[in-house]
Amino acid sequence: MSNNSYIVRTSKDDLYKFKLESGNLIVEKFEGLKQTNEYVLIKDILEYSLYIDENDKIYISYITNQQQLMLTIFDNNLSSIEIFHSSCNTYIHSVNIIAINSNVHIFIVIKNLAEENNYLYHFYFHLNEWISERIDGIEYLRYTCPYFLDFYKKDIYLFYCINSISGEYVIRKYNTDKIVWDCFKNSITLKNFTNLNFFITLKGICLIYFNKIINNNVRTHILFKNLNNLDSLWNYNNISRDNSNTLKPVIFCKNNIFYYMWNTGTSIVYKKSSNLINWSEEFGLDSKKKNMRKLTYLSNFSEDKDLKINFMYFSYLDATYQIINPKLNCSYESLSIDNLDEDNIKSASLQEKIIYFTDCAFKGDKDYMKEMEEKDILIAKLRNKIEEQKNRLLYYENKFKFINNSILSFNEKKEQLIDAINLLQNALIDKGKKLNELEAAYAEKEKELESLRQEVYNMKTIKTNRFSLKKMLNKIILIIKNKLNF
């Protein structure tokens, strides 16, 4: 990751040290234990990253104070090219570079200042032009690494967080032959951790390891899987024993043996494993160094061909070489400026040289490790406290949701009741209208019936009158007949 100090070892056993001081990238050249040259390589930069390819070519990518992403090759004819220039509403940071088969790949985070979003970008050279592609939106906590980068064979792997609230992390794989991102996107949930690291061995074993505070003890947990089998599942292991504080863990691999190393505050402790499940007993190495500066070691030298170590802390440096080379007889006490003469310098092993000139470069920060450890523990405790507050907040949120759902349910039932009442009222209105219509129809029929009754009465009256007249006429006729007979 950017802004580490780098020790670079070429295939010809040339040693260089790169460091960033006061915005200037400084390079130091060593022959044996003697520093032969030191100078400012690049001025006015914010951060940088470098990589050495298989041809000993050292690529340096850096971000200037003017928010330019630049690329240069470390040689006698130092020249830089601009890859990207940030606009007024963006901010670039977290540069990383890697070269596979002399093809350079640069990664940065671009922060959108208006939206407060962070995006992971990939730059590479293809068909005589630099290509820029946005990989994904990322989220990360302050003071933590935004993303992790490693490789296996010709594939580049990225590990990053896409949801810091839920703790969702993913891994993406880039195939440099096909120039395409393959479908390797595993969702991993991680919460309440510190010192997160991502590491891929030379055999393709992918490790994710981190610290967690359990019962006031700092433990180291690992997740691992075989990248040669995409169907393999993630394995989980807590590799710390009870009542152990494993601060600042580092895991590396040498000759297919895994080494797990940590600091207890008074000594460097390590143990080893061949399968990441069964671990050896603990071995302790005294270390009086208090400097926990991060250091990246890049090597093309033949002695290091079976060693894969992404980074180490400076206070681990002598312990690291004692672990991987038990025959090495050196310590900080035996390596000092006062007791080294020309014969010591000429006969010193390469590991001793690295330890020596790194020690000289970082001399003075006596309380740095203690401060870092205290800050890490404080951060972990604060995260636990935040998690407790989140749980309490979640409890009250659930309570609120329950009450709110009850209110919503009541309001819903109230709405249903109002709808039923309105429906009933509309039905009553309809019934009233129909009743009025029936009453009107009934009154009309009453009138018609009364009219019929009157007609019937009139007809009866007429009929009665006709019958009386007929009866009278019959009487008259009868009287006339009687008189005629006389």
Protein backbone atom coordinates (compact mmCIF):
# COMPACT_ATOMS: atom_id res chain seq x y z
CA MET A 1 0.00 0.00 0.00
CA SER A 2 1.12 3.56 -0.66
CA ASN A 3 3.39 5.49 1.70
CA ASN A 4 5.16 2.44 3.10
CA SER A 5 8.90 2.55 3.18
CA TYR A 6 10.26 0.10 0.62
CA ILE A 7 13.36 -2.05 0.56
CA VAL A 8 13.98 -3.25 -3.01
CA ARG A 9 16.43 -6.04 -3.81
CA THR A 10 17.26 -6.73 -7.46
CA SER A 11 18.29 -10.01 -9.03
CA LYS A 12 21.89 -8.68 -9.00
CA ASP A 13 21.68 -8.14 -5.24
CA ASP A 14 21.51 -4.34 -5.46
CA LEU A 15 19.74 -2.78 -2.50
CA TYR A 16 17.64 0.39 -2.49
CA LYS A 17 15.54 2.05 0.14
CA PHE A 18 12.66 4.40 -0.73
CA LYS A 19 10.92 6.61 1.82
CA LEU A 20 8.63 9.63 1.85
CA GLU A 21 9.71 12.55 4.00
CA SER A 22 8.12 16.03 4.05
CA GLY A 23 6.51 15.47 0.66
CA ASN A 24 9.74 14.31 -0.98
CA LEU A 25 10.47 10.78 -2.20
CA ILE A 26 14.00 9.92 -1.08
CA VAL A 27 16.06 7.02 -2.42
CA GLU A 28 19.10 5.50 -0.75
CA LYS A 29 21.59 3.20 -2.43
CA PHE A 30 23.60 0.72 -0.35
CA GLU A 31 26.67 -1.39 -0.97
CA GLY A 32 27.11 -3.79 1.88
CA LEU A 33 26.30 -1.84 5.00
CA LYS A 34 27.53 1.41 3.53
CA GLN A 35 25.12 3.97 2.17
CA THR A 36 26.75 5.10 -1.05
CA ASN A 37 24.17 7.62 -2.16
CA GLU A 38 21.06 9.43 -0.93
CA TYR A 39 19.05 11.98 -2.84
CA VAL A 40 15.57 13.36 -3.45
CA LEU A 41 14.05 11.48 -6.37
CA ILE A 42 10.71 13.28 -6.68
CA LYS A 43 9.50 16.45 -4.94
CA ASP A 44 6.09 17.71 -3.78
CA ILE A 45 4.10 14.49 -3.69
CA LEU A 46 1.34 13.28 -1.38
CA GLU A 47 1.87 9.52 -1.65
CA TYR A 48 3.48 6.87 -3.80
CA SER A 49 3.65 3.16 -4.58
CA LEU A 50 6.32 1.15 -6.36
CA TYR A 51 6.91 -2.28 -7.83
CA ILE A 52 9.83 -4.19 -9.36
CA ASP A 53 9.09 -6.48 -12.31
CA GLU A 54 10.89 -9.66 -13.34
CA ASN A 55 13.39 -7.62 -15.39
CA ASP A 56 14.45 -5.53 -12.36
CA LYS A 57 12.63 -2.50 -13.72
CA ILE A 58 11.27 -0.39 -10.84
CA TYR A 59 7.99 1.41 -11.55
CA ILE A 60 6.88 4.28 -9.32
CA SER A 61 3.38 5.73 -9.34
CA TYR A 62 2.67 8.80 -7.27
CA ILE A 63 0.14 11.57 -6.61
CA THR A 64 1.35 15.15 -6.70
CA ASN A 65 0.19 18.07 -4.60
CA GLN A 66 -1.75 19.22 -7.67
CA GLN A 67 -3.73 15.95 -7.68
CA GLN A 68 -1.96 14.46 -10.69
CA LEU A 69 -1.49 10.71 -10.97
CA MET A 70 2.00 10.19 -12.37
CA LEU A 71 4.14 7.24 -13.49
CA THR A 72 7.91 7.05 -13.71
CA ILE A 73 10.56 4.37 -14.16
CA PHE A 74 13.51 4.41 -11.77
CA ASP A 75 16.58 4.67 -14.01
CA ASN A 76 19.23 7.16 -15.01
CA ASN A 77 16.88 8.99 -17.37
CA LEU A 78 14.11 9.69 -14.91
CA SER A 79 11.01 11.05 -16.65
CA SER A 80 7.36 11.06 -15.64
CA ILE A 81 4.09 10.86 -17.54
CA GLU A 82 0.70 12.03 -16.34
CA ILE A 83 -1.89 9.23 -16.20
CA PHE A 84 -4.78 11.16 -14.71
CA HIS A 85 -5.54 14.64 -13.39
CA SER A 86 -8.24 15.07 -10.76
CA SER A 87 -11.00 17.61 -11.42
CA CYS A 88 -12.10 20.32 -9.00
CA ASN A 89 -14.88 18.19 -7.50
CA THR A 90 -12.83 15.01 -6.99
CA TYR A 91 -9.91 13.95 -4.82
CA ILE A 92 -7.58 11.01 -5.58
CA HIS A 93 -5.71 8.93 -3.03
CA SER A 94 -4.57 5.40 -2.08
CA VAL A 95 -2.41 4.65 -5.12
CA ASN A 96 -1.12 1.12 -5.75
CA ILE A 97 0.93 -0.23 -8.62
CA ILE A 98 1.77 -3.71 -9.86
CA ALA A 99 3.52 -4.96 -13.03
CA ILE A 100 2.85 -8.39 -14.55
CA ASN A 101 4.83 -9.39 -17.65
CA SER A 102 6.03 -5.76 -17.83
CA ASN A 103 2.43 -4.55 -18.09
CA VAL A 104 1.73 -1.85 -15.53
CA HIS A 105 -1.54 -1.67 -13.61
CA ILE A 106 -2.31 1.30 -11.37
CA PHE A 107 -5.16 1.52 -8.87
CA ILE A 108 -6.44 4.59 -7.06
CA VAL A 109 -9.50 5.74 -5.13
CA ILE A 110 -11.37 8.73 -6.54
CA LYS A 111 -13.52 10.56 -4.00
CA ASN A 112 -16.48 12.52 -5.36
CA LEU A 113 -16.52 15.57 -3.09
CA ALA A 114 -20.09 16.53 -4.03
CA GLU A 115 -21.60 13.10 -3.37
CA GLU A 116 -19.13 12.02 -0.66
CA ASN A 117 -18.70 8.71 -2.50
CA ASN A 118 -15.49 6.76 -3.16
CA TYR A 119 -14.82 4.78 -6.32
CA LEU A 120 -12.02 2.33 -7.08
CA TYR A 121 -10.36 2.92 -10.47
CA HIS A 122 -8.00 0.84 -12.61
CA PHE A 123 -5.52 2.32 -15.14
CA TYR A 124 -3.59 0.23 -17.65
CA PHE A 125 -1.85 0.68 -21.00
CA HIS A 126 -3.53 -1.03 -23.97
CA LEU A 127 -3.31 -0.45 -27.73
CA ASN A 128 -0.99 2.53 -27.30
CA GLU A 129 -3.20 4.41 -24.88
CA TRP A 130 -3.96 4.53 -21.17
CA ILE A 131 -7.31 3.03 -20.29
CA SER A 132 -9.30 4.11 -17.25
CA GLU A 133 -12.10 1.99 -15.83
CA ARG A 134 -14.23 2.33 -12.74
CA ILE A 135 -14.32 -0.95 -10.85
CA ASP A 136 -16.76 -0.38 -8.00
CA GLY A 137 -17.98 1.96 -5.32
CA ILE A 138 -16.20 1.31 -2.03
CA GLU A 139 -16.72 2.19 1.62
CA TYR A 140 -14.17 2.20 4.41
CA LEU A 141 -13.71 3.51 7.91
CA ARG A 142 -11.38 6.39 8.60
CA TYR A 143 -7.76 5.41 9.31
CA THR A 144 -8.26 2.04 7.64
CA CYS A 145 -6.96 0.76 4.33
CA PRO A 146 -9.52 1.50 1.56
CA TYR A 147 -8.66 -1.67 -0.39
CA PHE A 148 -6.08 -4.45 -0.64
CA LEU A 149 -4.15 -5.64 -3.69
CA ASP A 150 -2.31 -8.90 -4.39
CA PHE A 151 -1.68 -11.26 -7.28
CA TYR A 152 -1.43 -14.95 -8.15
CA LYS A 153 0.16 -16.07 -11.41
CA LYS A 154 -1.21 -13.60 -13.99
CA ASP A 155 -4.32 -12.60 -12.06
CA ILE A 156 -4.72 -9.47 -9.91
CA TYR A 157 -6.97 -9.69 -6.85
CA LEU A 158 -8.67 -6.78 -5.10
CA PHE A 159 -10.27 -7.00 -1.66
CA TYR A 160 -12.47 -4.14 -0.46
CA CYS A 161 -15.62 -3.17 1.42
CA ILE A 162 -18.84 -2.20 -0.38
CA ASN A 163 -20.99 -1.63 2.72
CA SER A 164 -19.29 -0.48 5.91
CA ILE A 165 -22.54 -0.65 7.94
CA SER A 166 -23.24 -4.32 7.19
CA GLY A 167 -19.51 -5.15 6.93
CA GLU A 168 -19.84 -6.61 3.43
CA TYR A 169 -16.52 -7.22 1.63
CA VAL A 170 -15.88 -8.62 -1.85
CA ILE A 171 -12.96 -10.00 -3.85
CA ARG A 172 -12.55 -9.16 -7.54
CA LYS A 173 -10.14 -10.91 -9.93
CA TYR A 174 -8.60 -9.33 -13.02
CA ASN A 175 -7.29 -11.63 -15.75
CA THR A 176 -4.34 -9.83 -17.35
CA ASP A 177 -4.31 -12.14 -20.40
CA LYS A 178 -7.98 -11.62 -21.25
CA ILE A 179 -7.93 -8.00 -19.99
CA VAL A 180 -11.20 -8.59 -18.21
CA TRP A 181 -12.58 -8.83 -14.68
CA ASP A 182 -13.65 -12.41 -14.05
CA CYS A 183 -16.73 -13.40 -12.08
CA PHE A 184 -14.97 -13.92 -8.79
CA LYS A 185 -17.03 -11.84 -6.40
CA ASN A 186 -17.39 -13.49 -3.01
CA SER A 187 -19.34 -11.68 -0.34
CA ILE A 188 -17.62 -11.78 3.06
CA THR A 189 -19.00 -10.19 6.22
CA LEU A 190 -16.50 -8.70 8.68
CA LYS A 191 -17.32 -6.55 11.70
CA ASN A 192 -15.57 -5.15 14.78
CA PHE A 193 -11.99 -5.82 13.74
CA THR A 194 -8.64 -4.04 13.53
CA ASN A 195 -5.46 -4.61 11.52
CA LEU A 196 -7.18 -6.21 8.54
CA ASN A 197 -4.81 -7.78 5.98
CA PHE A 198 -5.10 -9.64 2.68
CA PHE A 199 -2.43 -12.06 1.48
CA ILE A 200 -2.05 -14.61 -1.36
CA THR A 201 0.74 -17.20 -1.24
CA LEU A 202 2.86 -18.36 -4.17
CA LYS A 203 0.68 -21.52 -4.32
CA GLY A 204 -2.59 -19.58 -4.52
CA ILE A 205 -3.82 -19.80 -0.92
CA CYS A 206 -5.77 -16.64 -0.14
CA LEU A 207 -5.77 -15.40 3.47
CA ILE A 208 -7.76 -12.68 5.19
CA TYR A 209 -6.61 -12.08 8.73
CA PHE A 210 -7.41 -9.49 11.39
CA ASN A 211 -7.52 -8.71 15.11
CA LYS A 212 -10.63 -8.91 17.28
CA ILE A 213 -10.99 -8.09 20.97
CA ILE A 214 -12.63 -10.99 22.84
CA ASN A 215 -12.89 -10.85 26.62
CA ASN A 216 -10.36 -7.99 26.71
CA ASN A 217 -7.83 -10.07 24.72
CA VAL A 218 -6.64 -9.18 21.23
CA ARG A 219 -7.05 -12.31 19.08
CA THR A 220 -6.06 -13.09 15.51
CA HIS A 221 -8.65 -14.65 13.19
CA ILE A 222 -8.09 -15.92 9.66
CA LEU A 223 -10.22 -16.84 6.66
CA PHE A 224 -8.57 -18.81 3.89
CA LYS A 225 -9.38 -20.67 0.68
CA ASN A 226 -7.61 -22.20 -2.32
CA LEU A 227 -7.86 -19.96 -5.40
CA ASN A 228 -7.07 -22.94 -7.64
CA ASN A 229 -10.50 -24.33 -6.81
CA LEU A 230 -13.19 -21.69 -7.22
CA ASP A 231 -15.77 -24.02 -5.68
CA SER A 232 -13.81 -24.32 -2.44
CA LEU A 233 -15.34 -22.76 0.66
CA TRP A 234 -13.81 -20.28 3.02
CA ASN A 235 -12.26 -21.86 6.09
CA TYR A 236 -12.22 -20.02 9.41
CA ASN A 237 -9.79 -20.36 12.30
CA ASN A 238 -8.98 -18.47 15.47
CA ILE A 239 -5.23 -18.98 15.61
CA SER A 240 -4.67 -17.22 18.94
CA ARG A 241 -4.59 -18.98 22.26
CA ASP A 242 -6.55 -17.77 25.27
CA ASN A 243 -5.17 -14.87 27.29
CA SER A 244 -2.85 -13.74 24.51
CA ASN A 245 -2.65 -10.29 23.01
CA THR A 246 -1.58 -10.73 19.39
CA LEU A 247 -0.91 -7.16 18.34
CA LYS A 248 -0.05 -6.24 14.77
CA PRO A 249 -0.06 -9.77 13.27
CA VAL A 250 1.94 -10.58 10.16
CA ILE A 251 1.57 -13.80 8.18
CA PHE A 252 4.05 -14.81 5.49
CA CYS A 253 5.05 -17.99 3.67
CA LYS A 254 8.45 -19.59 3.07
CA ASN A 255 8.84 -22.96 1.31
CA ASN A 256 5.08 -23.66 1.73
CA ILE A 257 5.30 -23.14 5.50
CA PHE A 258 3.13 -20.42 7.00
CA TYR A 259 4.60 -18.19 9.70
CA TYR A 260 2.36 -16.20 12.01
CA MET A 261 4.16 -13.47 13.93
CA TRP A 262 2.94 -10.89 16.41
CA ASN A 263 4.10 -8.48 19.07
CA THR A 264 3.30 -8.87 22.77
CA GLY A 265 4.73 -5.53 23.78
CA THR A 266 7.89 -7.08 25.22
CA SER A 267 8.87 -9.66 22.59
CA ILE A 268 8.17 -10.97 19.10
CA VAL A 269 6.32 -14.29 19.14
CA TYR A 270 5.73 -16.63 16.22
CA LYS A 271 4.45 -20.07 15.35
CA LYS A 272 4.21 -21.99 12.10
CA SER A 273 1.87 -24.29 10.20
CA SER A 274 1.74 -26.27 7.00
CA ASN A 275 -2.06 -26.16 6.63
CA LEU A 276 -3.26 -23.04 8.54
CA ILE A 277 -5.27 -25.30 10.87
CA ASN A 278 -2.71 -27.04 13.06
CA TRP A 279 -0.13 -24.66 14.46
CA SER A 280 3.12 -25.31 16.28
CA GLU A 281 3.99 -24.15 19.75
CA GLU A 282 4.90 -20.52 20.26
CA PHE A 283 8.48 -19.33 19.93
CA GLY A 284 9.58 -16.07 21.49
CA LEU A 285 12.30 -13.70 20.32
CA ASP A 286 13.35 -10.79 22.48
CA SER A 287 12.99 -7.43 20.83
CA LYS A 288 13.81 -4.12 22.44
CA LYS A 289 12.80 -2.17 19.38
CA LYS A 290 9.83 0.16 19.85
CA ASN A 291 9.36 1.11 16.24
CA MET A 292 6.31 -0.26 14.42
CA ARG A 293 6.79 1.47 11.08
CA LYS A 294 5.36 -0.44 8.15
CA LEU A 295 7.89 -1.77 5.68
CA THR A 296 7.44 -3.38 2.26
CA TYR A 297 10.12 -5.76 0.99
CA LEU A 298 10.29 -6.45 -2.77
CA SER A 299 12.90 -8.87 -4.03
CA ASN A 300 13.96 -10.53 -7.27
CA PHE A 301 16.95 -12.21 -5.66
CA SER A 302 17.24 -15.99 -6.07
CA GLU A 303 17.45 -16.61 -2.32
CA ASP A 304 13.96 -15.12 -1.95
CA LYS A 305 12.23 -17.08 -4.70
CA ASP A 306 10.27 -19.21 -2.20
CA LEU A 307 9.48 -16.31 0.13
CA LYS A 308 6.19 -14.40 -0.07
CA ILE A 309 5.81 -11.57 2.40
CA ASN A 310 3.74 -8.52 1.52
CA PHE A 311 4.91 -6.34 4.38
CA MET A 312 6.39 -6.37 7.86
CA TYR A 313 6.81 -3.94 10.70
CA PHE A 314 10.30 -2.69 11.28
CA SER A 315 10.46 -4.10 14.82
CA TYR A 316 9.76 -7.54 13.27
CA LEU A 317 12.60 -7.34 10.81
CA ASP A 318 15.34 -9.10 12.76
CA ALA A 319 12.85 -11.68 14.02
CA THR A 320 11.65 -12.35 10.48
CA TYR A 321 15.11 -13.24 9.25
CA GLN A 322 15.88 -15.31 12.34
CA ILE A 323 12.71 -17.27 11.61
CA ILE A 324 13.33 -17.91 7.91
CA ASN A 325 17.08 -18.41 8.40
CA PRO A 326 17.74 -20.07 11.79
CA LYS A 327 21.49 -20.05 11.07
CA LEU A 328 21.49 -16.28 11.06
CA ASN A 329 23.26 -15.00 14.14
CA CYS A 330 22.44 -11.34 14.38
CA SER A 331 20.61 -8.97 16.65
CA TYR A 332 20.19 -5.28 17.07
CA GLU A 333 22.79 -5.39 19.81
CA SER A 334 25.40 -7.06 17.55
CA LEU A 335 24.65 -4.73 14.65
CA SER A 336 25.53 -1.19 15.58
CA ILE A 337 27.52 1.58 14.04
CA ASP A 338 30.01 1.52 16.90
CA ASN A 339 31.20 -2.07 16.55
CA LEU A 340 31.08 -2.54 12.76
CA ASP A 341 34.30 -2.19 10.82
CA GLU A 342 35.16 -2.85 7.19
CA ASP A 343 35.63 -6.59 7.77
CA ASN A 344 32.21 -6.84 9.44
CA ILE A 345 30.64 -4.93 6.58
CA LYS A 346 32.14 -7.16 3.90
CA SER A 347 31.24 -10.40 5.67
CA ALA A 348 27.72 -9.39 6.74
CA SER A 349 24.93 -11.45 5.25
CA LEU A 350 22.30 -9.85 3.07
CA GLN A 351 19.72 -10.19 5.83
CA GLU A 352 22.06 -8.46 8.25
CA LYS A 353 22.58 -5.68 5.72
CA ILE A 354 18.85 -5.15 5.37
CA ILE A 355 18.38 -5.10 9.13
CA TYR A 356 21.29 -2.74 9.58
CA PHE A 357 20.47 -0.05 7.09
CA THR A 358 16.77 -0.16 7.92
CA ASP A 359 17.66 0.23 11.57
CA CYS A 360 19.81 3.25 10.74
CA ALA A 361 17.04 4.78 8.65
CA PHE A 362 14.37 4.44 11.34
CA LYS A 363 16.42 5.22 14.43
CA GLY A 364 14.76 7.46 17.00
CA ASP A 365 11.04 6.62 17.18
CA LYS A 366 11.25 4.93 20.57
CA ASP A 367 7.62 5.25 21.61
CA TYR A 368 5.98 4.72 18.20
CA MET A 369 5.02 1.08 18.72
CA LYS A 370 3.55 1.74 22.16
CA GLU A 371 1.48 4.60 20.79
CA MET A 372 0.26 2.49 17.90
CA GLU A 373 -0.66 -0.41 20.16
CA GLU A 374 -2.51 1.90 22.54
CA LYS A 375 -4.33 3.49 19.62
CA ASP A 376 -5.23 0.09 18.16
CA ILE A 377 -6.59 -1.13 21.49
CA LEU A 378 -8.45 2.15 21.99
CA ILE A 379 -9.92 1.95 18.48
CA ALA A 380 -11.01 -1.65 19.10
CA LYS A 381 -12.62 -0.70 22.41
CA LEU A 382 -14.33 2.27 20.81
CA ARG A 383 -15.62 0.00 18.05
CA ASN A 384 -16.97 -2.40 20.67
CA LYS A 385 -18.60 0.56 22.42
CA ILE A 386 -20.03 1.74 19.14
CA GLU A 387 -21.32 -1.77 18.49
CA GLU A 388 -23.00 -1.78 21.93
CA GLN A 389 -24.57 1.59 21.16
CA LYS A 390 -25.64 0.25 17.77
CA ASN A 391 -27.26 -2.73 19.49
CA ARG A 392 -29.07 -0.43 21.90
CA LEU A 393 -30.10 1.80 19.05
CA LEU A 394 -31.26 -1.26 17.14
CA TYR A 395 -33.30 -2.33 20.20
CA TYR A 396 -35.05 1.05 20.37
CA GLU A 397 -35.44 1.08 16.60
CA ASN A 398 -37.17 -2.29 16.81
CA LYS A 399 -39.35 -0.94 19.64
CA PHE A 400 -40.18 2.09 17.56
CA LYS A 401 -40.90 -0.10 14.55
CA PHE A 402 -43.22 -2.27 16.68
CA ILE A 403 -45.10 0.79 17.98
CA ASN A 404 -45.09 2.37 14.56
CA ASN A 405 -46.37 -0.86 13.01
CA SER A 406 -49.11 -0.98 15.68
CA ILE A 407 -50.08 2.58 14.83
CA LEU A 408 -49.96 1.79 11.15
CA SER A 409 -52.06 -1.33 11.78
CA PHE A 410 -54.55 0.72 13.82
CA ASN A 411 -54.65 3.41 11.14
CA GLU A 412 -55.11 0.74 8.51
CA LYS A 413 -57.99 -0.82 10.44
CA LYS A 414 -59.39 2.67 11.04
CA GLU A 415 -59.23 3.34 7.32
CA GLN A 416 -60.92 0.02 6.66
CA LEU A 417 -63.66 0.89 9.20
CA ILE A 418 -64.13 4.34 7.64
CA ASP A 419 -64.36 2.70 4.24
CA ALA A 420 -66.94 0.24 5.58
CA ILE A 421 -68.94 3.10 7.16
CA ASN A 422 -68.78 5.08 3.94
CA LEU A 423 -69.87 2.00 2.02
CA LEU A 424 -72.78 1.47 4.43
CA GLN A 425 -73.76 5.13 4.22
CA ASN A 426 -73.70 4.97 0.44
CA ALA A 427 -75.79 1.81 0.60
CA LEU A 428 -78.31 3.54 2.92
CA ILE A 429 -78.43 6.52 0.58
CA ASP A 430 -79.07 4.18 -2.32
CA LYS A 431 -81.75 2.37 -0.30
CA GLY A 432 -83.33 5.75 0.61
CA LYS A 433 -83.41 6.74 -3.03
CA LYS A 434 -85.01 3.43 -3.96
CA LEU A 435 -87.52 3.82 -1.11
CA ASN A 436 -88.44 7.29 -2.31
CA GLU A 437 -88.84 5.93 -5.81
CA LEU A 438 -91.10 3.14 -4.45
CA GLU A 439 -93.12 5.61 -2.42
CA ALA A 440 -93.55 7.81 -5.50
CA ALA A 441 -94.52 4.79 -7.52
CA TYR A 442 -96.93 3.70 -4.75
CA ALA A 443 -98.56 7.16 -4.69
CA GLU A 444 -98.89 7.08 -8.45
CA LYS A 445 -100.49 3.66 -8.25
CA GLU A 446 -102.83 4.94 -5.53
CA LYS A 447 -103.94 7.72 -7.84
CA GLU A 448 -104.47 5.27 -10.65
CA LEU A 449 -106.40 3.00 -8.29
CA GLU A 450 -108.58 5.91 -7.07
CA SER A 451 -109.27 6.83 -10.66
CA LEU A 452 -110.29 3.25 -11.38
CA ARG A 453 -112.48 3.25 -8.32
CA GLN A 454 -114.22 6.43 -9.49
CA GLU A 455 -114.74 4.95 -12.93
CA VAL A 456 -116.15 1.80 -11.39
CA TYR A 457 -118.46 3.88 -9.19
CA ASN A 458 -119.60 5.93 -12.13
CA MET A 459 -120.18 2.81 -14.13
CA LYS A 460 -122.17 1.33 -11.30
CA THR A 461 -124.25 4.52 -11.02
CA ILE A 462 -124.96 4.54 -14.72
CA LYS A 463 -125.82 0.85 -14.63
CA THR A 464 -128.16 1.42 -11.69
CA ASN A 465 -129.90 4.28 -13.44
CA ARG A 466 -130.29 2.21 -16.57
CA PHE A 467 -131.79 -0.64 -14.56
CA SER A 468 -134.32 1.70 -12.83
CA LEU A 469 -135.38 3.24 -16.16
CA LYS A 470 -135.79 -0.18 -17.68
CA LYS A 471 -137.83 -1.28 -14.71
CA MET A 472 -139.98 1.84 -14.97
CA LEU A 473 -140.49 1.30 -18.70
CA ASN A 474 -141.47 -2.30 -18.08
CA LYS A 475 -144.05 -1.08 -15.54
CA ILE A 476 -145.43 1.45 -18.01
CA ILE A 477 -145.56 -1.19 -20.71
CA LEU A 478 -147.30 -3.55 -18.34
CA ILE A 479 -149.84 -0.90 -17.39
CA ILE A 480 -150.47 -0.12 -21.04
CA LYS A 481 -150.91 -3.80 -21.81
CA ASN A 482 -153.34 -4.19 -18.95
CA LYS A 483 -155.39 -1.25 -20.09
CA LEU A 484 -155.50 -2.52 -23.62
CA ASN A 485 -156.82 -5.82 -22.52
CA PHE A 486 -159.71 -4.12 -20.99
